[in-house]
């Protein structure tokens, strides 16, 4: 079974420093109640099907180590680093608004790319995020009470935080 983690792997203060380096805001910008797949912890010992999916996902998003390629493919970099002084930082989110606003979650179409700013001011790809509003998902999948989306053999966690309200989201820390 693939384990899910609710906390960042690094201590919160270190994670905030690393992911949001040189970010002038460094305040609370968003907190997430989502659970995260820590891909690095499962890359060698997890079920072979999950490892194969993670490898496929890494190959798919490899071009997005170049932020310009991500921008050319419809991802839009948020100006603010998502961070919390107590929880640490996730980094800068780059959603693809077409994918983020659709009614599907697909392994090979991550809705959001998550970057950290490095000391030289460049961005490094760390994770992908899958996202769909619960109301949008339910409307497209049989109405209220629809089964949640599934990735990596697990239900995608339901979150409820501003500004989105109820939504399904899963962060996959690939790099």
Protein backbone atom coordinates (compact mmCIF):
# COMPACT_ATOMS: atom_id res chain seq x y z
CA UNK A 1 0.00 0.00 0.00
CA UNK A 2 1.28 3.48 -0.87
CA UNK A 3 1.71 5.61 2.22
CA UNK A 4 0.61 9.22 2.33
CA UNK A 5 2.27 11.92 4.39
CA UNK A 6 0.73 15.14 5.72
CA UNK A 7 3.99 16.95 6.48
CA UNK A 8 6.94 18.14 4.47
CA UNK A 9 9.99 15.93 4.74
CA UNK A 10 12.27 18.78 5.85
CA UNK A 11 11.78 20.78 9.06
CA UNK A 12 9.32 23.63 8.48
CA UNK A 13 11.87 26.43 8.87
CA UNK A 14 14.30 24.79 6.44
CA UNK A 15 11.52 23.98 3.98
CA UNK A 16 10.29 27.58 4.05
CA UNK A 17 13.80 28.88 3.47
CA UNK A 18 14.54 26.49 0.63
CA UNK A 19 11.25 26.64 -1.28
CA UNK A 20 10.70 30.39 -0.93
CA UNK A 21 14.23 31.73 -1.05
CA UNK A 22 14.35 35.33 -2.15
CA UNK A 23 10.56 35.62 -1.94
CA UNK A 24 9.71 39.06 -0.56
CA UNK A 25 6.33 38.05 0.92
CA UNK A 26 7.36 35.03 3.04
CA UNK A 27 4.12 35.28 4.98
CA UNK A 28 1.16 32.95 5.22
CA UNK A 29 -0.15 32.65 1.72
CA UNK A 30 -2.08 29.40 1.90
CA UNK A 31 -2.22 26.34 4.06
CA UNK A 32 -3.12 22.95 2.71
CA UNK A 33 -4.87 20.11 4.44
CA UNK A 34 -4.08 17.79 1.57
CA UNK A 35 -2.06 14.66 2.03
CA UNK A 36 1.06 14.23 -0.03
CA UNK A 37 2.66 11.33 -1.82
CA UNK A 38 6.37 11.36 -0.98
CA UNK A 39 7.59 9.78 -4.19
CA UNK A 40 11.21 9.57 -3.12
CA UNK A 41 10.29 7.43 -0.12
CA UNK A 42 8.42 4.97 -2.31
CA UNK A 43 10.56 4.88 -5.43
CA UNK A 44 12.51 1.78 -4.44
CA UNK A 45 10.26 -0.17 -2.14
CA UNK A 46 6.67 0.49 -3.20
CA UNK A 47 4.41 -1.65 -5.31
CA UNK A 48 5.70 -2.09 -8.84
CA UNK A 49 2.58 -0.54 -10.40
CA UNK A 50 3.01 2.65 -8.37
CA UNK A 51 6.73 2.77 -9.16
CA UNK A 52 5.93 2.42 -12.85
CA UNK A 53 3.39 5.27 -12.62
CA UNK A 54 5.90 7.48 -10.80
CA UNK A 55 8.57 6.74 -13.42
CA UNK A 56 6.13 7.55 -16.21
CA UNK A 57 5.16 10.80 -14.48
CA UNK A 58 8.81 11.80 -13.98
CA UNK A 59 9.49 11.25 -17.71
CA UNK A 60 6.40 13.25 -18.66
CA UNK A 61 7.26 16.29 -16.54
CA UNK A 62 11.04 16.20 -17.14
CA UNK A 63 10.81 18.96 -19.80
CA UNK A 64 9.25 21.21 -17.14
CA UNK A 65 12.54 21.46 -15.29
CA UNK A 66 12.81 24.29 -17.81
CA UNK A 67 10.24 26.81 -16.58
CA UNK A 68 10.02 28.40 -20.04
CA UNK A 69 8.79 25.05 -21.44
CA UNK A 70 6.10 24.87 -18.73
CA UNK A 71 4.98 28.42 -19.49
CA UNK A 72 4.87 27.64 -23.22
CA UNK A 73 2.66 24.62 -22.47
CA UNK A 74 0.05 26.69 -20.61
CA UNK A 75 1.27 26.66 -17.01
CA UNK A 76 1.18 30.09 -15.33
CA UNK A 77 3.58 30.88 -12.48
CA UNK A 78 1.96 32.30 -9.34
CA UNK A 79 3.90 35.27 -7.98
CA UNK A 80 3.61 34.18 -4.36
CA UNK A 81 5.31 31.25 -2.64
CA UNK A 82 2.78 29.10 -0.80
CA UNK A 83 4.11 29.01 2.75
CA UNK A 84 3.15 29.01 6.40
CA UNK A 85 5.47 29.98 9.26
CA UNK A 86 4.46 26.91 11.26
CA UNK A 87 4.15 24.33 8.47
CA UNK A 88 6.88 25.49 6.15
CA UNK A 89 6.60 26.02 2.43
CA UNK A 90 5.42 24.15 -0.61
CA UNK A 91 6.85 26.58 -3.11
CA UNK A 92 5.67 28.49 -6.14
CA UNK A 93 2.67 26.94 -7.88
CA UNK A 94 2.27 27.05 -11.65
CA UNK A 95 -1.27 25.94 -12.53
CA UNK A 96 -2.44 25.06 -16.00
CA UNK A 97 -5.84 26.72 -15.75
CA UNK A 98 -7.40 24.56 -18.46
CA UNK A 99 -6.41 21.37 -16.62
CA UNK A 100 -7.10 22.76 -13.13
CA UNK A 101 -10.61 23.84 -14.07
CA UNK A 102 -11.68 20.65 -15.83
CA UNK A 103 -13.65 17.80 -14.25
CA UNK A 104 -10.90 15.18 -14.42
CA UNK A 105 -7.78 14.09 -12.61
CA UNK A 106 -5.40 12.24 -14.89
CA UNK A 107 -1.99 10.84 -13.93
CA UNK A 108 -0.37 12.14 -17.09
CA UNK A 109 -1.93 15.61 -16.93
CA UNK A 110 -0.84 17.26 -13.68
CA UNK A 111 -2.95 20.33 -12.99
CA UNK A 112 -0.19 22.26 -11.22
CA UNK A 113 3.62 22.22 -11.19
CA UNK A 114 5.37 23.20 -7.93
CA UNK A 115 8.74 24.95 -8.02
CA UNK A 116 11.26 26.20 -5.48
CA UNK A 117 13.37 29.29 -6.02
CA UNK A 118 17.07 28.50 -5.78
CA UNK A 119 19.72 30.85 -4.36
CA UNK A 120 20.61 32.02 -7.88
CA UNK A 121 16.98 33.09 -8.46
CA UNK A 122 16.11 30.27 -10.87
CA UNK A 123 13.25 27.87 -10.33
CA UNK A 124 13.61 24.13 -9.72
CA UNK A 125 10.72 21.72 -10.29
CA UNK A 126 9.96 19.69 -7.15
CA UNK A 127 6.43 18.38 -7.38
CA UNK A 128 3.17 18.15 -9.26
CA UNK A 129 -0.29 18.67 -7.90
CA UNK A 130 -3.57 17.15 -8.99
CA UNK A 131 -6.64 19.29 -8.34
CA UNK A 132 -10.37 19.33 -9.02
CA UNK A 133 -13.22 21.15 -7.28
CA UNK A 134 -15.53 18.68 -5.55
CA UNK A 135 -18.61 20.31 -7.11
CA UNK A 136 -17.08 20.04 -10.59
CA UNK A 137 -16.07 16.41 -9.99
CA UNK A 138 -19.49 15.46 -8.61
CA UNK A 139 -21.36 17.13 -11.49
CA UNK A 140 -19.33 15.17 -14.05
CA UNK A 141 -19.37 11.84 -12.19
CA UNK A 142 -22.94 11.15 -11.15
CA UNK A 143 -23.79 13.99 -8.77
CA UNK A 144 -23.51 14.33 -5.01
CA UNK A 145 -21.95 11.30 -3.42
CA UNK A 146 -19.82 10.46 -6.45
CA UNK A 147 -16.79 8.31 -5.66
CA UNK A 148 -13.64 10.42 -5.32
CA UNK A 149 -10.93 10.42 -7.96
CA UNK A 150 -8.23 7.76 -7.65
CA UNK A 151 -4.49 8.05 -8.27
CA UNK A 152 -1.77 5.55 -7.38
CA UNK A 153 -4.47 3.11 -6.26
CA UNK A 154 -5.69 5.50 -3.54
CA UNK A 155 -8.56 7.95 -3.25
CA UNK A 156 -7.38 11.50 -3.79
CA UNK A 157 -7.86 13.34 -0.46
CA UNK A 158 -10.67 15.85 -0.05
CA UNK A 159 -9.49 19.26 1.18
CA UNK A 160 -11.38 22.36 2.24
CA UNK A 161 -9.45 25.61 2.44
CA UNK A 162 -9.61 29.09 0.94
CA UNK A 163 -9.83 30.18 -1.72
CA UNK A 164 -11.19 26.98 -3.25
CA UNK A 165 -13.55 25.43 -0.71
CA UNK A 166 -14.05 21.69 -1.04
CA UNK A 167 -11.73 20.15 -3.60
CA UNK A 168 -9.69 17.04 -4.22
CA UNK A 169 -5.94 17.59 -4.26
CA UNK A 170 -2.82 15.50 -4.16
CA UNK A 171 0.80 16.71 -4.19
CA UNK A 172 3.37 14.28 -5.55
CA UNK A 173 6.92 15.22 -4.55
CA UNK A 174 8.90 13.79 -7.46
CA UNK A 175 12.23 15.56 -7.27
